[in-house]
Amino acid sequence: MWGVVEDLWWRDEDADYIRRRSDRYPGATNIDPDWTLEAASDPRRIVHDPDPKSRTGAVRIVGFSRSAGFVVTVIATGGVHAGVTAWKSSGADLRDYEGQG
């Protein structure tokens, strides 16, 4: 299973995209790319590789960010693990994370 945080990285435009989520989705939480690295390195993280909801073979990572104080869902490309998008987890992702262990 993939899980090495050093593999996750962000293109500048994609990092800006998650930093400005509230511009597109009123009331959404803007995401700091550093939070996604914390989520990816969370020992309790959940990794779906590939993400069953992806048509492109992306990876879904759900983990806790200490700096943010909440669980973050991260979508990254398969293979090179470039971040694509991320958001504050809710719904099934949050239930799955909280229900483990």
PDB file of N, CA and C in Angstrom:
ATOM      1  N   MET A   1       0.847  -1.186   0.000  1.00  0.00           N
ATOM      2  CA  MET A   1       0.000   0.000   0.000  1.00  0.00           C
ATOM      3  C   MET A   1       0.886   1.241   0.000  1.00  0.00           C
ATOM      4  N   TRP A   2       0.507   2.224  -0.819  1.00  0.00           N
ATOM      5  CA  TRP A   2       1.247   3.479  -0.872  1.00  0.00           C
ATOM      6  C   TRP A   2       1.048   4.240   0.418  1.00  0.00           C
ATOM      7  N   GLY A   3       2.016   4.976   0.858  1.00  0.00           N
ATOM      8  CA  GLY A   3       1.839   5.697   2.099  1.00  0.00           C
ATOM      9  C   GLY A   3       3.046   6.523   2.498  1.00  0.00           C
ATOM     10  N   VAL A   4       3.989   6.688   1.631  1.00  0.00           N
ATOM     11  CA  VAL A   4       5.174   7.464   1.977  1.00  0.00           C
ATOM     12  C   VAL A   4       4.880   8.934   1.709  1.00  0.00           C
ATOM     13  N   VAL A   5       4.831   9.730   2.772  1.00  0.00           N
ATOM     14  CA  VAL A   5       4.444  11.134   2.646  1.00  0.00           C
ATOM     15  C   VAL A   5       5.386  11.893   1.717  1.00  0.00           C
ATOM     16  N   GLU A   6       6.638  11.492   1.651  1.00  0.00           N
ATOM     17  CA  GLU A   6       7.596  12.196   0.801  1.00  0.00           C
ATOM     18  C   GLU A   6       7.184  12.136  -0.665  1.00  0.00           C
ATOM     19  N   ASP A   7       6.327  11.179  -1.032  1.00  0.00           N
ATOM     20  CA  ASP A   7       5.881  11.059  -2.416  1.00  0.00           C
ATOM     21  C   ASP A   7       4.820  12.089  -2.784  1.00  0.00           C
ATOM     22  N   LEU A   8       4.123  12.661  -1.811  1.00  0.00           N
ATOM     23  CA  LEU A   8       3.049  13.613  -2.099  1.00  0.00           C
ATOM     24  C   LEU A   8       3.631  15.004  -2.293  1.00  0.00           C
ATOM     25  N   TRP A   9       3.288  15.641  -3.407  1.00  0.00           N
ATOM     26  CA  TRP A   9       3.760  16.986  -3.693  1.00  0.00           C
ATOM     27  C   TRP A   9       2.657  17.722  -4.451  1.00  0.00           C
ATOM     28  N   TRP A  10       2.781  19.039  -4.514  1.00  0.00           N
ATOM     29  CA  TRP A  10       1.752  19.888  -5.128  1.00  0.00           C
ATOM     30  C   TRP A  10       2.359  20.798  -6.188  1.00  0.00           C
ATOM     31  N   ARG A  11       1.750  20.831  -7.368  1.00  0.00           N
ATOM     32  CA  ARG A  11       2.066  21.854  -8.363  1.00  0.00           C
ATOM     33  C   ARG A  11       1.550  23.180  -7.809  1.00  0.00           C
ATOM     34  N   ASP A  12       2.205  24.278  -8.152  1.00  0.00           N
ATOM     35  CA  ASP A  12       1.804  25.588  -7.625  1.00  0.00           C
ATOM     36  C   ASP A  12       0.329  25.875  -7.880  1.00  0.00           C
ATOM     37  N   GLU A  13      -0.146  25.608  -9.092  1.00  0.00           N
ATOM     38  CA  GLU A  13      -1.549  25.929  -9.418  1.00  0.00           C
ATOM     39  C   GLU A  13      -2.518  25.055  -8.634  1.00  0.00           C
ATOM     40  N   ASP A  14      -2.152  23.810  -8.366  1.00  0.00           N
ATOM     41  CA  ASP A  14      -3.028  22.937  -7.582  1.00  0.00           C
ATOM     42  C   ASP A  14      -3.014  23.319  -6.102  1.00  0.00           C
ATOM     43  N   ALA A  15      -1.861  23.749  -5.598  1.00  0.00           N
ATOM     44  CA  ALA A  15      -1.778  24.229  -4.217  1.00  0.00           C
ATOM     45  C   ALA A  15      -2.642  25.473  -4.051  1.00  0.00           C
ATOM     46  N   ASP A  16      -2.583  26.386  -5.022  1.00  0.00           N
ATOM     47  CA  ASP A  16      -3.432  27.582  -4.967  1.00  0.00           C
ATOM     48  C   ASP A  16      -4.906  27.207  -5.023  1.00  0.00           C
ATOM     49  N   TYR A  17      -5.234  26.177  -5.807  1.00  0.00           N
ATOM     50  CA  TYR A  17      -6.614  25.724  -5.959  1.00  0.00           C
ATOM     51  C   TYR A  17      -7.199  25.310  -4.612  1.00  0.00           C
ATOM     52  N   ILE A  18      -6.451  24.541  -3.809  1.00  0.00           N
ATOM     53  CA  ILE A  18      -7.002  24.096  -2.521  1.00  0.00           C
ATOM     54  C   ILE A  18      -6.943  25.197  -1.474  1.00  0.00           C
ATOM     55  N   ARG A  19      -5.997  26.113  -1.616  1.00  0.00           N
ATOM     56  CA  ARG A  19      -5.930  27.248  -0.679  1.00  0.00           C
ATOM     57  C   ARG A  19      -7.128  28.186  -0.841  1.00  0.00           C
ATOM     58  N   ARG A  20      -7.786  28.121  -2.001  1.00  0.00           N
ATOM     59  CA  ARG A  20      -8.875  29.058  -2.307  1.00  0.00           C
ATOM     60  C   ARG A  20     -10.204  28.352  -2.546  1.00  0.00           C
ATOM     61  N   ARG A  21     -10.429  27.247  -1.849  1.00  0.00           N
ATOM     62  CA  ARG A  21     -11.687  26.502  -2.020  1.00  0.00           C
ATOM     63  C   ARG A  21     -12.916  27.375  -1.756  1.00  0.00           C
ATOM     64  N   SER A  22     -12.826  28.251  -0.758  1.00  0.00           N
ATOM     65  CA  SER A  22     -13.993  29.062  -0.402  1.00  0.00           C
ATOM     66  C   SER A  22     -14.363  30.048  -1.510  1.00  0.00           C
ATOM     67  N   ASP A  23     -13.453  30.341  -2.421  1.00  0.00           N
ATOM     68  CA  ASP A  23     -13.796  31.186  -3.578  1.00  0.00           C
ATOM     69  C   ASP A  23     -14.792  30.475  -4.485  1.00  0.00           C
ATOM     70  N   ARG A  24     -14.691  29.159  -4.579  1.00  0.00           N
ATOM     71  CA  ARG A  24     -15.553  28.362  -5.455  1.00  0.00           C
ATOM     72  C   ARG A  24     -16.765  27.799  -4.729  1.00  0.00           C
ATOM     73  N   TYR A  25     -16.575  27.485  -3.452  1.00  0.00           N
ATOM     74  CA  TYR A  25     -17.625  26.858  -2.650  1.00  0.00           C
ATOM     75  C   TYR A  25     -17.833  27.686  -1.397  1.00  0.00           C
ATOM     76  N   PRO A  26     -18.783  28.616  -1.409  1.00  0.00           N
ATOM     77  CA  PRO A  26     -19.003  29.463  -0.235  1.00  0.00           C
ATOM     78  C   PRO A  26     -19.192  28.618   1.031  1.00  0.00           C
ATOM     79  N   GLY A  27     -18.466  28.987   2.071  1.00  0.00           N
ATOM     80  CA  GLY A  27     -18.527  28.264   3.335  1.00  0.00           C
ATOM     81  C   GLY A  27     -17.542  27.113   3.430  1.00  0.00           C
ATOM     82  N   ALA A  28     -16.875  26.784   2.321  1.00  0.00           N
ATOM     83  CA  ALA A  28     -15.883  25.697   2.350  1.00  0.00           C
ATOM     84  C   ALA A  28     -14.647  26.137   3.117  1.00  0.00           C
ATOM     85  N   THR A  29     -13.907  25.165   3.593  1.00  0.00           N
ATOM     86  CA  THR A  29     -12.663  25.425   4.315  1.00  0.00           C
ATOM     87  C   THR A  29     -11.504  25.456   3.326  1.00  0.00           C
ATOM     88  N   ASN A  30     -10.733  26.522   3.349  1.00  0.00           N
ATOM     89  CA  ASN A  30      -9.513  26.581   2.545  1.00  0.00           C
ATOM     90  C   ASN A  30      -8.508  25.605   3.160  1.00  0.00           C
ATOM     91  N   ILE A  31      -7.740  24.939   2.307  1.00  0.00           N
ATOM     92  CA  ILE A  31      -6.827  23.886   2.756  1.00  0.00           C
ATOM     93  C   ILE A  31      -5.383  24.311   2.501  1.00  0.00           C
ATOM     94  N   ASP A  32      -4.572  24.243   3.546  1.00  0.00           N
ATOM     95  CA  ASP A  32      -3.143  24.502   3.417  1.00  0.00           C
ATOM     96  C   ASP A  32      -2.489  23.213   2.924  1.00  0.00           C
ATOM     97  N   PRO A  33      -1.672  23.256   1.875  1.00  0.00           N
ATOM     98  CA  PRO A  33      -1.030  22.035   1.391  1.00  0.00           C
ATOM     99  C   PRO A  33      -0.240  21.289   2.468  1.00  0.00           C
ATOM    100  N   ASP A  34       0.323  21.991   3.435  1.00  0.00           N
ATOM    101  CA  ASP A  34       1.041  21.319   4.520  1.00  0.00           C
ATOM    102  C   ASP A  34       0.114  20.398   5.317  1.00  0.00           C
ATOM    103  N   TRP A  35      -1.158  20.772   5.425  1.00  0.00           N
ATOM    104  CA  TRP A  35      -2.110  19.923   6.136  1.00  0.00           C
ATOM    105  C   TRP A  35      -2.252  18.582   5.430  1.00  0.00           C
ATOM    106  N   THR A  36      -2.196  18.600   4.096  1.00  0.00           N
ATOM    107  CA  THR A  36      -2.342  17.355   3.344  1.00  0.00           C
ATOM    108  C   THR A  36      -1.154  16.430   3.586  1.00  0.00           C
ATOM    109  N   LEU A  37       0.029  17.009   3.768  1.00  0.00           N
ATOM    110  CA  LEU A  37       1.211  16.193   4.075  1.00  0.00           C
ATOM    111  C   LEU A  37       1.067  15.545   5.441  1.00  0.00           C
ATOM    112  N   GLU A  38       0.509  16.301   6.405  1.00  0.00           N
ATOM    113  CA  GLU A  38       0.243  15.726   7.726  1.00  0.00           C
ATOM    114  C   GLU A  38      -0.777  14.598   7.630  1.00  0.00           C
ATOM    115  N   ALA A  39      -1.826  14.804   6.852  1.00  0.00           N
ATOM    116  CA  ALA A  39      -2.857  13.774   6.686  1.00  0.00           C
ATOM    117  C   ALA A  39      -2.260  12.519   6.047  1.00  0.00           C
ATOM    118  N   ALA A  40      -1.398  12.714   5.044  1.00  0.00           N
ATOM    119  CA  ALA A  40      -0.785  11.578   4.358  1.00  0.00           C
ATOM    120  C   ALA A  40       0.181  10.820   5.262  1.00  0.00           C
ATOM    121  N   SER A  41       0.751  11.500   6.255  1.00  0.00           N
ATOM    122  CA  SER A  41       1.694  10.827   7.157  1.00  0.00           C
ATOM    123  C   SER A  41       1.028  10.308   8.424  1.00  0.00           C
ATOM    124  N   ASP A  42      -0.271  10.543   8.588  1.00  0.00           N
ATOM    125  CA  ASP A  42      -1.016  10.048   9.746  1.00  0.00           C
ATOM    126  C   ASP A  42      -0.923   8.516   9.781  1.00  0.00           C
ATOM    127  N   PRO A  43      -0.452   7.934  10.877  1.00  0.00           N
ATOM    128  CA  PRO A  43      -0.360   6.470  10.940  1.00  0.00           C
ATOM    129  C   PRO A  43      -1.711   5.769  10.817  1.00  0.00           C
ATOM    130  N   ARG A  44      -2.802   6.479  11.085  1.00  0.00           N
ATOM    131  CA  ARG A  44      -4.150   5.898  10.986  1.00  0.00           C
ATOM    132  C   ARG A  44      -4.817   6.206   9.647  1.00  0.00           C
ATOM    133  N   ARG A  45      -4.084   6.828   8.743  1.00  0.00           N
ATOM    134  CA  ARG A  45      -4.687   7.230   7.467  1.00  0.00           C
ATOM    135  C   ARG A  45      -5.302   6.034   6.742  1.00  0.00           C
ATOM    136  N   ILE A  46      -6.256   6.343   5.911  1.00  0.00           N
ATOM    137  CA  ILE A  46      -6.875   5.352   5.038  1.00  0.00           C
ATOM    138  C   ILE A  46      -6.438   5.702   3.623  1.00  0.00           C
ATOM    139  N   VAL A  47      -5.971   4.702   2.880  1.00  0.00           N
ATOM    140  CA  VAL A  47      -5.538   4.916   1.504  1.00  0.00           C
ATOM    141  C   VAL A  47      -6.341   3.999   0.598  1.00  0.00           C
ATOM    142  N   HIS A  48      -6.974   4.599  -0.404  1.00  0.00           N
ATOM    143  CA  HIS A  48      -7.664   3.834  -1.448  1.00  0.00           C
ATOM    144  C   HIS A  48      -6.854   4.017  -2.721  1.00  0.00           C
ATOM    145  N   ASP A  49      -6.188   2.958  -3.159  1.00  0.00           N
ATOM    146  CA  ASP A  49      -5.321   3.022  -4.335  1.00  0.00           C
ATOM    147  C   ASP A  49      -5.629   1.837  -5.234  1.00  0.00           C
ATOM    148  N   PRO A  50      -6.457   2.069  -6.262  1.00  0.00           N
ATOM    149  CA  PRO A  50      -6.975   3.364  -6.692  1.00  0.00           C
ATOM    150  C   PRO A  50      -8.249   3.744  -5.932  1.00  0.00           C
ATOM    151  N   ASP A  51      -8.564   5.023  -5.997  1.00  0.00           N
ATOM    152  CA  ASP A  51      -9.803   5.543  -5.433  1.00  0.00           C
ATOM    153  C   ASP A  51     -10.959   4.956  -6.238  1.00  0.00           C
ATOM    154  N   PRO A  52     -11.898   4.255  -5.587  1.00  0.00           N
ATOM    155  CA  PRO A  52     -13.003   3.652  -6.338  1.00  0.00           C
ATOM    156  C   PRO A  52     -13.891   4.668  -7.056  1.00  0.00           C
ATOM    157  N   LYS A  53     -13.822   5.929  -6.663  1.00  0.00           N
ATOM    158  CA  LYS A  53     -14.632   6.959  -7.320  1.00  0.00           C
ATOM    159  C   LYS A  53     -13.897   7.619  -8.491  1.00  0.00           C
ATOM    160  N   SER A  54     -12.636   7.242  -8.708  1.00  0.00           N
ATOM    161  CA  SER A  54     -11.823   7.881  -9.737  1.00  0.00           C
ATOM    162  C   SER A  54     -11.952   7.169 -11.079  1.00  0.00           C
ATOM    163  N   ARG A  55     -12.024   7.960 -12.138  1.00  0.00           N
ATOM    164  CA  ARG A  55     -12.002   7.405 -13.492  1.00  0.00           C
ATOM    165  C   ARG A  55     -10.583   7.376 -14.046  1.00  0.00           C
ATOM    166  N   THR A  56      -9.634   7.969 -13.310  1.00  0.00           N
ATOM    167  CA  THR A  56      -8.273   8.087 -13.819  1.00  0.00           C
ATOM    168  C   THR A  56      -7.248   7.320 -12.993  1.00  0.00           C
ATOM    169  N   GLY A  57      -7.684   6.540 -12.011  1.00  0.00           N
ATOM    170  CA  GLY A  57      -6.759   5.783 -11.187  1.00  0.00           C
ATOM    171  C   GLY A  57      -6.104   6.607 -10.096  1.00  0.00           C
ATOM    172  N   ALA A  58      -6.755   7.696  -9.698  1.00  0.00           N
ATOM    173  CA  ALA A  58      -6.212   8.542  -8.627  1.00  0.00           C
ATOM    174  C   ALA A  58      -6.218   7.792  -7.296  1.00  0.00           C
ATOM    175  N   VAL A  59      -5.450   8.310  -6.357  1.00  0.00           N
ATOM    176  CA  VAL A  59      -5.350   7.766  -5.005  1.00  0.00           C
ATOM    177  C   VAL A  59      -6.115   8.688  -4.061  1.00  0.00           C
ATOM    178  N   ARG A  60      -6.891   8.103  -3.134  1.00  0.00           N
ATOM    179  CA  ARG A  60      -7.599   8.872  -2.110  1.00  0.00           C
ATOM    180  C   ARG A  60      -6.961   8.578  -0.772  1.00  0.00           C
ATOM    181  N   ILE A  61      -6.576   9.630  -0.054  1.00  0.00           N
ATOM    182  CA  ILE A  61      -5.958   9.509   1.263  1.00  0.00           C
ATOM    183  C   ILE A  61      -6.837  10.263   2.248  1.00  0.00           C
ATOM    184  N   VAL A  62      -7.171   9.643   3.349  1.00  0.00           N
ATOM    185  CA  VAL A  62      -7.975  10.278   4.390  1.00  0.00           C
ATOM    186  C   VAL A  62      -7.181  10.170   5.686  1.00  0.00           C
ATOM    187  N   GLY A  63      -6.795  11.328   6.232  1.00  0.00           N
ATOM    188  CA  GLY A  63      -5.995  11.316   7.450  1.00  0.00           C
ATOM    189  C   GLY A  63      -6.170  12.590   8.249  1.00  0.00           C
ATOM    190  N   PHE A  64      -5.708  12.543   9.481  1.00  0.00           N
ATOM    191  CA  PHE A  64      -5.852  13.672  10.393  1.00  0.00           C
ATOM    192  C   PHE A  64      -4.671  14.622  10.247  1.00  0.00           C
ATOM    193  N   SER A  65      -4.966  15.919  10.207  1.00  0.00           N
ATOM    194  CA  SER A  65      -3.940  16.962  10.220  1.00  0.00           C
ATOM    195  C   SER A  65      -3.977  17.632  11.586  1.00  0.00           C
ATOM    196  N   ARG A  66      -2.870  17.538  12.325  1.00  0.00           N
ATOM    197  CA  ARG A  66      -2.795  18.197  13.640  1.00  0.00           C
ATOM    198  C   ARG A  66      -2.904  19.706  13.510  1.00  0.00           C
ATOM    199  N   SER A  67      -2.243  20.276  12.526  1.00  0.00           N
ATOM    200  CA  SER A  67      -2.269  21.735  12.361  1.00  0.00           C
ATOM    201  C   SER A  67      -3.671  22.237  12.051  1.00  0.00           C
ATOM    202  N   ALA A  68      -4.389  21.510  11.207  1.00  0.00           N
ATOM    203  CA  ALA A  68      -5.750  21.916  10.851  1.00  0.00           C
ATOM    204  C   ALA A  68      -6.724  21.601  11.977  1.00  0.00           C
ATOM    205  N   GLY A  69      -6.475  20.494  12.684  1.00  0.00           N
ATOM    206  CA  GLY A  69      -7.383  20.072  13.742  1.00  0.00           C
ATOM    207  C   GLY A  69      -8.556  19.262  13.236  1.00  0.00           C
ATOM    208  N   PHE A  70      -8.451  18.743  12.007  1.00  0.00           N
ATOM    209  CA  PHE A  70      -9.529  17.929  11.445  1.00  0.00           C
ATOM    210  C   PHE A  70      -8.976  16.947  10.428  1.00  0.00           C
ATOM    211  N   VAL A  71      -9.856  16.035  10.006  1.00  0.00           N
ATOM    212  CA  VAL A  71      -9.513  15.019   9.023  1.00  0.00           C
ATOM    213  C   VAL A  71      -9.603  15.642   7.632  1.00  0.00           C
ATOM    214  N   VAL A  72      -8.621  15.319   6.791  1.00  0.00           N
ATOM    215  CA  VAL A  72      -8.523  15.870   5.442  1.00  0.00           C
ATOM    216  C   VAL A  72      -8.574  14.724   4.431  1.00  0.00           C
ATOM    217  N   THR A  73      -9.326  14.924   3.353  1.00  0.00           N
ATOM    218  CA  THR A  73      -9.334  13.993   2.226  1.00  0.00           C
ATOM    219  C   THR A  73      -8.463  14.587   1.136  1.00  0.00           C
ATOM    220  N   VAL A  74      -7.533  13.790   0.635  1.00  0.00           N
ATOM    221  CA  VAL A  74      -6.595  14.226  -0.399  1.00  0.00           C
ATOM    222  C   VAL A  74      -6.753  13.318  -1.608  1.00  0.00           C
ATOM    223  N   ILE A  75      -6.823  13.915  -2.787  1.00  0.00           N
ATOM    224  CA  ILE A  75      -6.816  13.165  -4.035  1.00  0.00           C
ATOM    225  C   ILE A  75      -5.485  13.460  -4.718  1.00  0.00           C
ATOM    226  N   ALA A  76      -4.770  12.395  -5.088  1.00  0.00           N
ATOM    227  CA  ALA A  76      -3.472  12.536  -5.744  1.00  0.00           C
ATOM    228  C   ALA A  76      -3.443  11.640  -6.974  1.00  0.00           C
ATOM    229  N   THR A  77      -2.608  12.004  -7.925  1.00  0.00           N
ATOM    230  CA  THR A  77      -2.472  11.182  -9.116  1.00  0.00           C
ATOM    231  C   THR A  77      -1.826   9.856  -8.754  1.00  0.00           C
ATOM    232  N   GLY A  78      -2.154   8.829  -9.496  1.00  0.00           N
ATOM    233  CA  GLY A  78      -1.483   7.550  -9.324  1.00  0.00           C
ATOM    234  C   GLY A  78      -0.060   7.665  -9.854  1.00  0.00           C
ATOM    235  N   GLY A  79       0.828   6.891  -9.332  1.00  0.00           N
ATOM    236  CA  GLY A  79       2.203   6.876  -9.832  1.00  0.00           C
ATOM    237  C   GLY A  79       3.091   7.933  -9.219  1.00  0.00           C
ATOM    238  N   VAL A  80       2.959   9.193  -9.639  1.00  0.00           N
ATOM    239  CA  VAL A  80       3.847  10.257  -9.159  1.00  0.00           C
ATOM    240  C   VAL A  80       3.328  10.942  -7.902  1.00  0.00           C
ATOM    241  N   HIS A  81       2.087  10.704  -7.535  1.00  0.00           N
ATOM    242  CA  HIS A  81       1.467  11.223  -6.316  1.00  0.00           C
ATOM    243  C   HIS A  81       1.501  12.744  -6.213  1.00  0.00           C
ATOM    244  N   ALA A  82       1.172  13.401  -7.309  1.00  0.00           N
ATOM    245  CA  ALA A  82       0.981  14.851  -7.289  1.00  0.00           C
ATOM    246  C   ALA A  82      -0.414  15.127  -6.757  1.00  0.00           C
ATOM    247  N   GLY A  83      -0.512  16.050  -5.795  1.00  0.00           N
ATOM    248  CA  GLY A  83      -1.814  16.416  -5.265  1.00  0.00           C
ATOM    249  C   GLY A  83      -2.681  17.022  -6.350  1.00  0.00           C
ATOM    250  N   VAL A  84      -3.945  16.654  -6.354  1.00  0.00           N
ATOM    251  CA  VAL A  84      -4.905  17.181  -7.328  1.00  0.00           C
ATOM    252  C   VAL A  84      -5.877  18.111  -6.635  1.00  0.00           C
ATOM    253  N   THR A  85      -6.446  17.636  -5.519  1.00  0.00           N
ATOM    254  CA  THR A  85      -7.374  18.439  -4.745  1.00  0.00           C
ATOM    255  C   THR A  85      -7.429  17.875  -3.326  1.00  0.00           C
ATOM    256  N   ALA A  86      -8.017  18.636  -2.432  1.00  0.00           N
ATOM    257  CA  ALA A  86      -8.165  18.208  -1.043  1.00  0.00           C
ATOM    258  C   ALA A  86      -9.275  19.022  -0.401  1.00  0.00           C
ATOM    259  N   TRP A  87      -9.884  18.445   0.643  1.00  0.00           N
ATOM    260  CA  TRP A  87     -10.955  19.132   1.352  1.00  0.00           C
ATOM    261  C   TRP A  87     -11.062  18.585   2.767  1.00  0.00           C
ATOM    262  N   LYS A  88     -11.767  19.335   3.605  1.00  0.00           N
ATOM    263  CA  LYS A  88     -12.084  18.878   4.962  1.00  0.00           C
ATOM    264  C   LYS A  88     -13.017  17.691   4.823  1.00  0.00           C
ATOM    265  N   SER A  89     -12.642  16.564   5.413  1.00  0.00           N
ATOM    266  CA  SER A  89     -13.416  15.333   5.252  1.00  0.00           C
ATOM    267  C   SER A  89     -14.790  15.447   5.889  1.00  0.00           C
ATOM    268  N   SER A  90     -15.738  14.785   5.260  1.00  0.00           N
ATOM    269  CA  SER A  90     -17.096  14.680   5.780  1.00  0.00           C
ATOM    270  C   SER A  90     -17.690  13.392   5.220  1.00  0.00           C
ATOM    271  N   GLY A  91     -18.922  13.127   5.542  1.00  0.00           N
ATOM    272  CA  GLY A  91     -19.616  11.980   4.977  1.00  0.00           C
ATOM    273  C   GLY A  91     -18.894  10.671   5.193  1.00  0.00           C
ATOM    274  N   ALA A  92     -18.866   9.841   4.139  1.00  0.00           N
ATOM    275  CA  ALA A  92     -18.305   8.493   4.226  1.00  0.00           C
ATOM    276  C   ALA A  92     -16.829   8.504   4.601  1.00  0.00           C
ATOM    277  N   ASP A  93     -16.060   9.451   4.056  1.00  0.00           N
ATOM    278  CA  ASP A  93     -14.634   9.501   4.394  1.00  0.00           C
ATOM    279  C   ASP A  93     -14.434   9.701   5.891  1.00  0.00           C
ATOM    280  N   LEU A  94     -15.158  10.644   6.461  1.00  0.00           N
ATOM    281  CA  LEU A  94     -15.021  10.920   7.890  1.00  0.00           C
ATOM    282  C   LEU A  94     -15.519   9.743   8.726  1.00  0.00           C
ATOM    283  N   ARG A  95     -16.645   9.159   8.339  1.00  0.00           N
ATOM    284  CA  ARG A  95     -17.170   7.990   9.069  1.00  0.00           C
ATOM    285  C   ARG A  95     -16.179   6.829   9.030  1.00  0.00           C
ATOM    286  N   ASP A  96     -15.589   6.580   7.867  1.00  0.00           N
ATOM    287  CA  ASP A  96     -14.616   5.487   7.746  1.00  0.00           C
ATOM    288  C   ASP A  96     -13.409   5.740   8.639  1.00  0.00           C
ATOM    289  N   TYR A  97     -12.917   6.975   8.623  1.00  0.00           N
ATOM    290  CA  TYR A  97     -11.739   7.305   9.442  1.00  0.00           C
ATOM    291  C   TYR A  97     -12.052   7.163  10.925  1.00  0.00           C
ATOM    292  N   GLU A  98     -13.179   7.719  11.361  1.00  0.00           N
ATOM    293  CA  GLU A  98     -13.537   7.688  12.782  1.00  0.00           C
ATOM    294  C   GLU A  98     -13.942   6.296  13.245  1.00  0.00           C
ATOM    295  N   GLY A  99     -14.395   5.444  12.327  1.00  0.00           N
ATOM    296  CA  GLY A  99     -14.876   4.128  12.702  1.00  0.00           C
ATOM    297  C   GLY A  99     -13.826   3.041  12.766  1.00  0.00           C
ATOM    298  N   GLN A 100     -12.613   3.370  12.389  1.00  0.00           N
ATOM    299  CA  GLN A 100     -11.565   2.338  12.419  1.00  0.00           C
ATOM    300  C   GLN A 100     -10.961   2.193  13.816  1.00  0.00           C
ATOM    301  N   GLY A 101     -10.403   1.028  14.056  1.00  0.00           N
ATOM    302  CA  GLY A 101      -9.667   0.787  15.285  1.00  0.00           C
ATOM    303  C   GLY A 101     -10.495   0.694  16.483  1.00  0.00           C
TER     304      GLY A 101
END
